[in-house]
Amino acid sequence: MKKLTRYLYFIIYILSAVLTIGAFIFANLTAIAPTNNGGGNGNIGLFPFFFLFPFIIVFIAMSISYMHEFMYSNLQKGTIRMTVAGSLLGIILIVSTTLIRAIQLKSLLAEVNPIYHEETKFPLLSIYSNAVFFNFFTFTLLILLCLFISGMMAYKDKQKSSLSE
């Protein structure tokens, strides 16, 4: 029975991963160029995130769980510390790059698109910015965030187990 449960969890994890990747790809593909002056019926690229939100949460939670289990049982404290530091560095790098790209997009839209006259009136989450916020790097950011959280948990558990011995 325990084996069956592990297989079911693994199937749910794979399904959640595929749906999460699909949501990121769909949001990226529905982005339009800033020079396109088309009107809109909203940001259709965000629909998968609203409807598939439970699968995305399951993907995040199970990723943290699986990574924590792997790190706690297979890695030493020093390796876990390096993994946490590397994932934190990657998070900082991707967040700063994404914010720089978003600011550049705001200024480009203020110049090119007649709808936005000032940079301050441009919402950061629009159909023009889907390619900035939903791409391979932001998906990697999600994985790095899971790695950071699970690494911190595994390091804390390793420390706790070494103190009790």
N, C-alpha and C. Protein backbone atom coordinates (compact mmCIF):
# COMPACT_ATOMS: atom_id res chain seq x y z
N MET A 1 0.81 -1.19 0.00
CA MET A 1 0.00 0.00 0.00
C MET A 1 0.86 1.27 0.00
N LYS A 2 2.00 1.20 0.72
CA LYS A 2 2.88 2.35 0.78
C LYS A 2 3.50 2.65 -0.59
N LYS A 3 3.82 1.59 -1.34
CA LYS A 3 4.38 1.79 -2.68
C LYS A 3 3.36 2.45 -3.60
N LEU A 4 2.12 2.02 -3.52
CA LEU A 4 1.06 2.58 -4.34
C LEU A 4 0.87 4.06 -4.03
N THR A 5 0.92 4.41 -2.77
CA THR A 5 0.79 5.81 -2.37
C THR A 5 1.93 6.65 -2.94
N ARG A 6 3.15 6.12 -2.88
CA ARG A 6 4.29 6.85 -3.44
C ARG A 6 4.14 7.05 -4.95
N TYR A 7 3.65 6.03 -5.66
CA TYR A 7 3.42 6.16 -7.10
C TYR A 7 2.33 7.19 -7.39
N LEU A 8 1.27 7.18 -6.61
CA LEU A 8 0.21 8.16 -6.81
C LEU A 8 0.72 9.58 -6.55
N TYR A 9 1.51 9.76 -5.50
CA TYR A 9 2.09 11.07 -5.24
C TYR A 9 3.01 11.50 -6.38
N PHE A 10 3.78 10.57 -6.90
CA PHE A 10 4.69 10.90 -7.99
C PHE A 10 3.90 11.27 -9.25
N ILE A 11 2.82 10.57 -9.53
CA ILE A 11 1.98 10.89 -10.70
C ILE A 11 1.34 12.26 -10.53
N ILE A 12 0.86 12.56 -9.33
CA ILE A 12 0.29 13.88 -9.06
C ILE A 12 1.35 14.96 -9.21
N TYR A 13 2.56 14.67 -8.76
CA TYR A 13 3.66 15.64 -8.88
C TYR A 13 4.00 15.90 -10.35
N ILE A 14 4.10 14.85 -11.15
CA ILE A 14 4.41 15.01 -12.57
C ILE A 14 3.29 15.78 -13.27
N LEU A 15 2.03 15.45 -12.97
CA LEU A 15 0.90 16.17 -13.56
C LEU A 15 0.94 17.64 -13.17
N SER A 16 1.20 17.93 -11.93
CA SER A 16 1.29 19.32 -11.48
C SER A 16 2.45 20.05 -12.15
N ALA A 17 3.58 19.37 -12.31
CA ALA A 17 4.73 19.99 -12.98
C ALA A 17 4.41 20.31 -14.43
N VAL A 18 3.77 19.38 -15.12
CA VAL A 18 3.42 19.61 -16.53
C VAL A 18 2.43 20.77 -16.66
N LEU A 19 1.43 20.82 -15.78
CA LEU A 19 0.44 21.90 -15.84
C LEU A 19 1.06 23.24 -15.47
N THR A 20 1.99 23.26 -14.53
CA THR A 20 2.66 24.50 -14.17
C THR A 20 3.53 25.00 -15.32
N ILE A 21 4.28 24.11 -15.92
CA ILE A 21 5.10 24.49 -17.07
C ILE A 21 4.21 24.96 -18.21
N GLY A 22 3.10 24.28 -18.44
CA GLY A 22 2.15 24.70 -19.48
C GLY A 22 1.58 26.07 -19.22
N ALA A 23 1.28 26.39 -17.96
CA ALA A 23 0.76 27.72 -17.63
C ALA A 23 1.80 28.79 -17.92
N PHE A 24 3.07 28.53 -17.58
CA PHE A 24 4.13 29.51 -17.87
C PHE A 24 4.30 29.68 -19.38
N ILE A 25 4.27 28.59 -20.12
CA ILE A 25 4.43 28.68 -21.57
C ILE A 25 3.27 29.43 -22.20
N PHE A 26 2.04 29.13 -21.78
CA PHE A 26 0.87 29.82 -22.34
C PHE A 26 0.92 31.32 -22.05
N ALA A 27 1.29 31.68 -20.82
CA ALA A 27 1.37 33.10 -20.48
C ALA A 27 2.45 33.79 -21.31
N ASN A 28 3.56 33.12 -21.57
CA ASN A 28 4.63 33.71 -22.37
C ASN A 28 4.20 33.85 -23.83
N LEU A 29 3.49 32.84 -24.34
CA LEU A 29 3.08 32.89 -25.74
C LEU A 29 1.98 33.91 -26.01
N THR A 30 1.20 34.27 -25.01
CA THR A 30 0.13 35.23 -25.23
C THR A 30 0.57 36.68 -25.08
N ALA A 31 1.83 36.91 -24.80
CA ALA A 31 2.34 38.28 -24.72
C ALA A 31 2.36 38.90 -26.11
N ILE A 32 2.01 40.16 -26.18
CA ILE A 32 2.08 40.86 -27.47
C ILE A 32 3.19 41.90 -27.40
N ALA A 33 3.66 42.27 -28.56
CA ALA A 33 4.76 43.23 -28.65
C ALA A 33 4.30 44.60 -28.17
N PRO A 34 5.19 45.36 -27.55
CA PRO A 34 4.81 46.70 -27.07
C PRO A 34 4.43 47.65 -28.18
N THR A 35 4.88 47.38 -29.40
CA THR A 35 4.54 48.26 -30.52
C THR A 35 3.15 47.97 -31.07
N ASN A 36 2.54 46.88 -30.67
CA ASN A 36 1.19 46.54 -31.11
C ASN A 36 0.20 47.37 -30.32
N ASN A 37 -0.64 48.11 -31.01
CA ASN A 37 -1.58 49.01 -30.35
C ASN A 37 -2.96 48.40 -30.22
N GLY A 38 -3.05 47.10 -30.25
CA GLY A 38 -4.35 46.44 -30.18
C GLY A 38 -5.00 46.61 -28.83
N GLY A 39 -6.30 46.68 -28.85
CA GLY A 39 -7.07 46.73 -27.62
C GLY A 39 -7.08 45.35 -27.00
N GLY A 40 -7.75 45.24 -25.92
CA GLY A 40 -7.71 43.94 -25.29
C GLY A 40 -8.98 43.60 -24.55
N ASN A 41 -9.14 42.34 -24.36
CA ASN A 41 -10.22 41.84 -23.52
C ASN A 41 -9.61 41.32 -22.23
N GLY A 42 -8.61 41.97 -21.74
CA GLY A 42 -7.94 41.52 -20.53
C GLY A 42 -6.68 40.75 -20.87
N ASN A 43 -6.11 40.18 -19.86
CA ASN A 43 -4.86 39.45 -20.00
C ASN A 43 -5.16 37.96 -20.01
N ILE A 44 -5.37 37.43 -21.19
CA ILE A 44 -5.74 36.03 -21.33
C ILE A 44 -4.64 35.09 -20.88
N GLY A 45 -3.42 35.55 -20.84
CA GLY A 45 -2.31 34.71 -20.41
C GLY A 45 -2.35 34.33 -18.94
N LEU A 46 -3.15 35.06 -18.15
CA LEU A 46 -3.23 34.76 -16.73
C LEU A 46 -4.32 33.75 -16.39
N PHE A 47 -5.17 33.40 -17.35
CA PHE A 47 -6.23 32.43 -17.09
C PHE A 47 -5.73 31.10 -16.56
N PRO A 48 -4.66 30.52 -17.13
CA PRO A 48 -4.19 29.24 -16.57
C PRO A 48 -3.76 29.34 -15.11
N PHE A 49 -3.24 30.50 -14.71
CA PHE A 49 -2.81 30.65 -13.32
C PHE A 49 -4.00 30.69 -12.37
N PHE A 50 -5.13 31.24 -12.84
CA PHE A 50 -6.32 31.26 -11.99
C PHE A 50 -6.95 29.88 -11.88
N PHE A 51 -7.06 29.18 -13.00
CA PHE A 51 -7.73 27.88 -13.00
C PHE A 51 -6.83 26.75 -12.52
N LEU A 52 -5.55 26.87 -12.74
CA LEU A 52 -4.62 25.80 -12.35
C LEU A 52 -3.88 26.11 -11.06
N PHE A 53 -4.35 27.10 -10.32
CA PHE A 53 -3.68 27.51 -9.10
C PHE A 53 -3.49 26.36 -8.10
N PRO A 54 -4.48 25.48 -7.89
CA PRO A 54 -4.24 24.36 -6.97
C PRO A 54 -3.09 23.45 -7.42
N PHE A 55 -2.96 23.23 -8.72
CA PHE A 55 -1.87 22.39 -9.21
C PHE A 55 -0.52 23.07 -9.03
N ILE A 56 -0.49 24.38 -9.16
CA ILE A 56 0.76 25.11 -8.97
C ILE A 56 1.18 25.05 -7.50
N ILE A 57 0.21 25.18 -6.60
CA ILE A 57 0.52 25.08 -5.17
C ILE A 57 0.99 23.66 -4.83
N VAL A 58 0.35 22.65 -5.40
CA VAL A 58 0.76 21.26 -5.18
C VAL A 58 2.18 21.04 -5.71
N PHE A 59 2.48 21.61 -6.88
CA PHE A 59 3.82 21.48 -7.45
C PHE A 59 4.86 22.10 -6.52
N ILE A 60 4.57 23.28 -6.00
CA ILE A 60 5.52 23.96 -5.11
C ILE A 60 5.71 23.15 -3.82
N ALA A 61 4.61 22.72 -3.22
CA ALA A 61 4.69 21.99 -1.95
C ALA A 61 5.41 20.65 -2.12
N MET A 62 5.10 19.93 -3.18
CA MET A 62 5.74 18.63 -3.38
C MET A 62 7.20 18.78 -3.78
N SER A 63 7.52 19.85 -4.51
CA SER A 63 8.93 20.11 -4.85
C SER A 63 9.74 20.35 -3.58
N ILE A 64 9.19 21.16 -2.70
CA ILE A 64 9.88 21.43 -1.43
C ILE A 64 10.04 20.13 -0.64
N SER A 65 8.98 19.34 -0.61
CA SER A 65 9.03 18.09 0.15
C SER A 65 10.06 17.12 -0.42
N TYR A 66 10.04 16.92 -1.74
CA TYR A 66 10.99 15.98 -2.35
C TYR A 66 12.43 16.47 -2.23
N MET A 67 12.64 17.77 -2.44
CA MET A 67 14.00 18.30 -2.31
C MET A 67 14.50 18.21 -0.87
N HIS A 68 13.63 18.47 0.09
CA HIS A 68 14.00 18.36 1.49
C HIS A 68 14.38 16.93 1.84
N GLU A 69 13.58 15.99 1.39
CA GLU A 69 13.86 14.58 1.65
C GLU A 69 15.21 14.16 1.05
N PHE A 70 15.46 14.60 -0.18
CA PHE A 70 16.73 14.27 -0.84
C PHE A 70 17.91 14.89 -0.11
N MET A 71 17.81 16.19 0.21
CA MET A 71 18.93 16.87 0.85
C MET A 71 19.20 16.32 2.24
N TYR A 72 18.16 16.06 2.99
CA TYR A 72 18.36 15.58 4.36
C TYR A 72 19.00 14.20 4.38
N SER A 73 18.60 13.34 3.45
CA SER A 73 19.11 11.98 3.51
C SER A 73 20.43 11.79 2.75
N ASN A 74 20.75 12.63 1.78
CA ASN A 74 21.91 12.37 0.92
C ASN A 74 23.04 13.40 1.00
N LEU A 75 22.79 14.59 1.53
CA LEU A 75 23.82 15.63 1.49
C LEU A 75 24.33 15.96 2.89
N GLN A 76 25.57 16.40 2.94
CA GLN A 76 26.18 16.85 4.19
C GLN A 76 25.78 18.30 4.46
N LYS A 77 26.01 18.77 5.68
CA LYS A 77 25.61 20.14 6.04
C LYS A 77 26.32 21.19 5.19
N GLY A 78 27.59 20.98 4.89
CA GLY A 78 28.33 21.94 4.07
C GLY A 78 27.78 22.04 2.65
N THR A 79 27.41 20.90 2.09
CA THR A 79 26.83 20.89 0.74
C THR A 79 25.46 21.56 0.73
N ILE A 80 24.70 21.33 1.78
CA ILE A 80 23.39 21.98 1.87
C ILE A 80 23.55 23.49 1.98
N ARG A 81 24.55 23.91 2.77
CA ARG A 81 24.82 25.35 2.92
C ARG A 81 25.20 25.98 1.58
N MET A 82 26.03 25.29 0.80
CA MET A 82 26.42 25.80 -0.52
C MET A 82 25.23 25.83 -1.47
N THR A 83 24.36 24.84 -1.39
CA THR A 83 23.17 24.80 -2.24
C THR A 83 22.23 25.95 -1.90
N VAL A 84 22.05 26.21 -0.61
CA VAL A 84 21.19 27.32 -0.18
C VAL A 84 21.78 28.66 -0.64
N ALA A 85 23.09 28.82 -0.49
CA ALA A 85 23.75 30.06 -0.92
C ALA A 85 23.65 30.23 -2.43
N GLY A 86 23.85 29.16 -3.18
CA GLY A 86 23.74 29.25 -4.64
C GLY A 86 22.33 29.55 -5.10
N SER A 87 21.34 28.96 -4.44
CA SER A 87 19.97 29.23 -4.83
C SER A 87 19.57 30.66 -4.46
N LEU A 88 20.06 31.16 -3.33
CA LEU A 88 19.79 32.55 -2.95
C LEU A 88 20.43 33.51 -3.95
N LEU A 89 21.64 33.21 -4.38
CA LEU A 89 22.31 34.05 -5.38
C LEU A 89 21.52 34.03 -6.70
N GLY A 90 21.06 32.84 -7.10
CA GLY A 90 20.25 32.74 -8.32
C GLY A 90 18.94 33.50 -8.20
N ILE A 91 18.30 33.44 -7.03
CA ILE A 91 17.05 34.18 -6.81
C ILE A 91 17.29 35.67 -6.95
N ILE A 92 18.34 36.17 -6.32
CA ILE A 92 18.65 37.61 -6.39
C ILE A 92 18.95 38.02 -7.82
N LEU A 93 19.70 37.20 -8.53
CA LEU A 93 20.06 37.51 -9.92
C LEU A 93 18.82 37.56 -10.83
N ILE A 94 17.95 36.56 -10.71
CA ILE A 94 16.77 36.51 -11.58
C ILE A 94 15.78 37.62 -11.23
N VAL A 95 15.58 37.89 -9.94
CA VAL A 95 14.65 38.96 -9.55
C VAL A 95 15.16 40.31 -10.04
N SER A 96 16.45 40.58 -9.89
CA SER A 96 16.98 41.87 -10.34
C SER A 96 16.91 42.00 -11.86
N THR A 97 17.22 40.93 -12.57
CA THR A 97 17.13 40.96 -14.04
C THR A 97 15.69 41.17 -14.50
N THR A 98 14.75 40.51 -13.85
CA THR A 98 13.34 40.66 -14.21
C THR A 98 12.86 42.07 -13.93
N LEU A 99 13.25 42.64 -12.80
CA LEU A 99 12.84 44.01 -12.50
C LEU A 99 13.46 45.01 -13.47
N ILE A 100 14.69 44.79 -13.86
CA ILE A 100 15.32 45.68 -14.85
C ILE A 100 14.57 45.60 -16.18
N ARG A 101 14.23 44.38 -16.60
CA ARG A 101 13.48 44.21 -17.86
C ARG A 101 12.10 44.85 -17.76
N ALA A 102 11.46 44.77 -16.59
CA ALA A 102 10.14 45.38 -16.42
C ALA A 102 10.22 46.89 -16.50
N ILE A 103 11.24 47.47 -15.90
CA ILE A 103 11.41 48.94 -15.97
C ILE A 103 11.71 49.37 -17.39
N GLN A 104 12.52 48.60 -18.12
CA GLN A 104 12.80 48.92 -19.52
C GLN A 104 11.53 48.82 -20.35
N LEU A 105 10.68 47.83 -20.07
CA LEU A 105 9.42 47.69 -20.80
C LEU A 105 8.49 48.86 -20.51
N LYS A 106 8.46 49.33 -19.26
CA LYS A 106 7.63 50.48 -18.92
C LYS A 106 8.04 51.72 -19.71
N SER A 107 9.34 51.96 -19.79
CA SER A 107 9.80 53.14 -20.52
C SER A 107 9.56 52.98 -22.02
N LEU A 108 9.72 51.77 -22.55
CA LEU A 108 9.44 51.53 -23.97
C LEU A 108 7.96 51.73 -24.28
N LEU A 109 7.10 51.24 -23.42
CA LEU A 109 5.67 51.42 -23.65
C LEU A 109 5.26 52.88 -23.55
N ALA A 110 5.88 53.63 -22.66
CA ALA A 110 5.57 55.05 -22.54
C ALA A 110 5.96 55.80 -23.82
N GLU A 111 7.02 55.34 -24.50
CA GLU A 111 7.45 55.98 -25.73
C GLU A 111 6.61 55.56 -26.94
N VAL A 112 6.35 54.27 -27.04
CA VAL A 112 5.80 53.70 -28.27
C VAL A 112 4.27 53.65 -28.28
N ASN A 113 3.68 53.25 -27.20
CA ASN A 113 2.25 52.99 -27.19
C ASN A 113 1.49 54.25 -26.78
N PRO A 114 0.52 54.68 -27.60
CA PRO A 114 -0.20 55.92 -27.28
C PRO A 114 -1.16 55.77 -26.10
N ILE A 115 -1.45 54.56 -25.68
CA ILE A 115 -2.37 54.37 -24.56
C ILE A 115 -1.74 54.87 -23.26
N TYR A 116 -0.44 54.63 -23.11
CA TYR A 116 0.26 55.00 -21.88
C TYR A 116 1.06 56.26 -22.13
N HIS A 117 0.65 57.36 -21.48
CA HIS A 117 1.34 58.63 -21.68
C HIS A 117 2.46 58.82 -20.66
N GLU A 118 2.28 58.26 -19.50
CA GLU A 118 3.30 58.37 -18.47
C GLU A 118 3.70 56.98 -18.01
N GLU A 119 4.92 56.84 -17.55
CA GLU A 119 5.41 55.54 -17.09
C GLU A 119 4.69 55.07 -15.82
N THR A 120 4.20 56.00 -15.03
CA THR A 120 3.59 55.61 -13.76
C THR A 120 2.21 55.00 -13.95
N LYS A 121 1.56 55.24 -15.08
CA LYS A 121 0.21 54.72 -15.29
C LYS A 121 0.20 53.32 -15.90
N PHE A 122 1.35 52.76 -16.12
CA PHE A 122 1.44 51.45 -16.74
C PHE A 122 1.44 50.36 -15.68
N PRO A 123 0.46 49.47 -15.70
CA PRO A 123 0.49 48.37 -14.72
C PRO A 123 1.56 47.35 -15.11
N LEU A 124 2.27 46.85 -14.12
CA LEU A 124 3.36 45.92 -14.42
C LEU A 124 2.87 44.56 -14.90
N LEU A 125 1.66 44.16 -14.53
CA LEU A 125 1.15 42.87 -14.96
C LEU A 125 0.08 43.11 -16.03
N SER A 126 0.52 43.16 -17.28
CA SER A 126 -0.40 43.37 -18.38
C SER A 126 -0.06 42.40 -19.50
N ILE A 127 -0.82 42.48 -20.58
CA ILE A 127 -0.59 41.57 -21.71
C ILE A 127 0.75 41.85 -22.38
N TYR A 128 1.28 43.05 -22.19
CA TYR A 128 2.57 43.39 -22.77
C TYR A 128 3.73 42.81 -21.95
N SER A 129 3.49 42.62 -20.65
CA SER A 129 4.59 42.20 -19.78
C SER A 129 4.61 40.71 -19.49
N ASN A 130 3.75 39.92 -20.10
CA ASN A 130 3.74 38.48 -19.85
C ASN A 130 5.08 37.85 -20.19
N ALA A 131 5.72 38.31 -21.26
CA ALA A 131 7.00 37.74 -21.67
C ALA A 131 8.11 38.06 -20.66
N VAL A 132 7.93 39.12 -19.88
CA VAL A 132 8.93 39.48 -18.88
C VAL A 132 8.75 38.64 -17.61
N PHE A 133 7.51 38.45 -17.21
CA PHE A 133 7.25 37.80 -15.92
C PHE A 133 7.00 36.29 -16.01
N PHE A 134 6.64 35.79 -17.16
CA PHE A 134 6.35 34.37 -17.29
C PHE A 134 7.21 33.77 -18.39
N ASN A 135 8.42 33.38 -18.02
CA ASN A 135 9.36 32.80 -18.97
C ASN A 135 10.19 31.73 -18.27
N PHE A 136 11.17 31.24 -18.96
CA PHE A 136 12.02 30.18 -18.41
C PHE A 136 12.71 30.62 -17.12
N PHE A 137 13.13 31.88 -17.07
CA PHE A 137 13.87 32.34 -15.91
C PHE A 137 12.98 32.47 -14.68
N THR A 138 11.74 32.90 -14.86
CA THR A 138 10.86 32.99 -13.69
C THR A 138 10.42 31.60 -13.24
N PHE A 139 10.32 30.64 -14.15
CA PHE A 139 10.08 29.27 -13.73
C PHE A 139 11.28 28.73 -12.96
N THR A 140 12.47 29.06 -13.44
CA THR A 140 13.69 28.68 -12.72
C THR A 140 13.72 29.35 -11.35
N LEU A 141 13.22 30.58 -11.27
CA LEU A 141 13.11 31.28 -9.99
C LEU A 141 12.21 30.50 -9.03
N LEU A 142 11.13 29.97 -9.53
CA LEU A 142 10.22 29.17 -8.71
C LEU A 142 10.93 27.92 -8.18
N ILE A 143 11.69 27.26 -9.05
CA ILE A 143 12.45 26.07 -8.63
C ILE A 143 13.52 26.45 -7.62
N LEU A 144 14.22 27.56 -7.84
CA LEU A 144 15.25 28.00 -6.90
C LEU A 144 14.67 28.38 -5.55
N LEU A 145 13.48 28.96 -5.56
CA LEU A 145 12.81 29.29 -4.31
C LEU A 145 12.46 28.02 -3.53
N CYS A 146 11.97 27.01 -4.24
CA CYS A 146 11.70 25.72 -3.59
C CYS A 146 12.99 25.10 -3.06
N LEU A 147 14.07 25.22 -3.82
CA LEU A 147 15.36 24.68 -3.40
C LEU A 147 15.88 25.41 -2.17
N PHE A 148 15.70 26.72 -2.14
CA PHE A 148 16.14 27.51 -0.99
C PHE A 148 15.37 27.13 0.27
N ILE A 149 14.05 27.04 0.15
CA ILE A 149 13.22 26.70 1.32
C ILE A 149 13.54 25.29 1.82
N SER A 150 13.63 24.34 0.89
CA SER A 150 13.91 22.97 1.32
C SER A 150 15.33 22.84 1.87
N GLY A 151 16.26 23.60 1.34
CA GLY A 151 17.62 23.58 1.86
C GLY A 151 17.69 24.14 3.27
N MET A 152 16.96 25.22 3.51
CA MET A 152 16.92 25.77 4.87
C MET A 152 16.29 24.78 5.84
N MET A 153 15.23 24.11 5.41
CA MET A 153 14.59 23.11 6.28
C MET A 153 15.53 21.93 6.55
N ALA A 154 16.19 21.45 5.50
CA ALA A 154 17.11 20.32 5.67
C ALA A 154 18.29 20.69 6.55
N TYR A 155 18.82 21.89 6.40
CA TYR A 155 19.94 22.33 7.22
C TYR A 155 19.53 22.42 8.68
N LYS A 156 18.34 22.96 8.93
CA LYS A 156 17.83 23.06 10.29
C LYS A 156 17.64 21.67 10.89
N ASP A 157 17.09 20.75 10.11
CA ASP A 157 16.89 19.38 10.59
C ASP A 157 18.22 18.66 10.85
N LYS A 158 19.20 18.88 9.97
CA LYS A 158 20.52 18.27 10.17
C LYS A 158 21.17 18.82 11.46
N GLN A 159 21.03 20.13 11.68
CA GLN A 159 21.59 20.72 12.88
C GLN A 159 20.91 20.16 14.12
N LYS A 160 19.60 20.03 14.06
CA LYS A 160 18.84 19.52 15.19
C LYS A 160 19.22 18.07 15.50
N SER A 161 19.40 17.27 14.42
CA SER A 161 19.77 15.87 14.65
C SER A 161 21.20 15.72 15.15
N SER A 162 22.09 16.62 14.75
CA SER A 162 23.47 16.53 15.24
C SER A 162 23.57 17.01 16.69
N LEU A 163 22.70 17.89 17.13
CA LEU A 163 22.70 18.34 18.52
C LEU A 163 22.13 17.26 19.44
N SER A 164 21.18 16.48 18.93
CA SER A 164 20.55 15.47 19.79
C SER A 164 21.42 14.23 19.94
N GLU A 165 22.44 14.08 19.12
CA GLU A 165 23.31 12.89 19.20
C GLU A 165 24.36 13.02 20.25
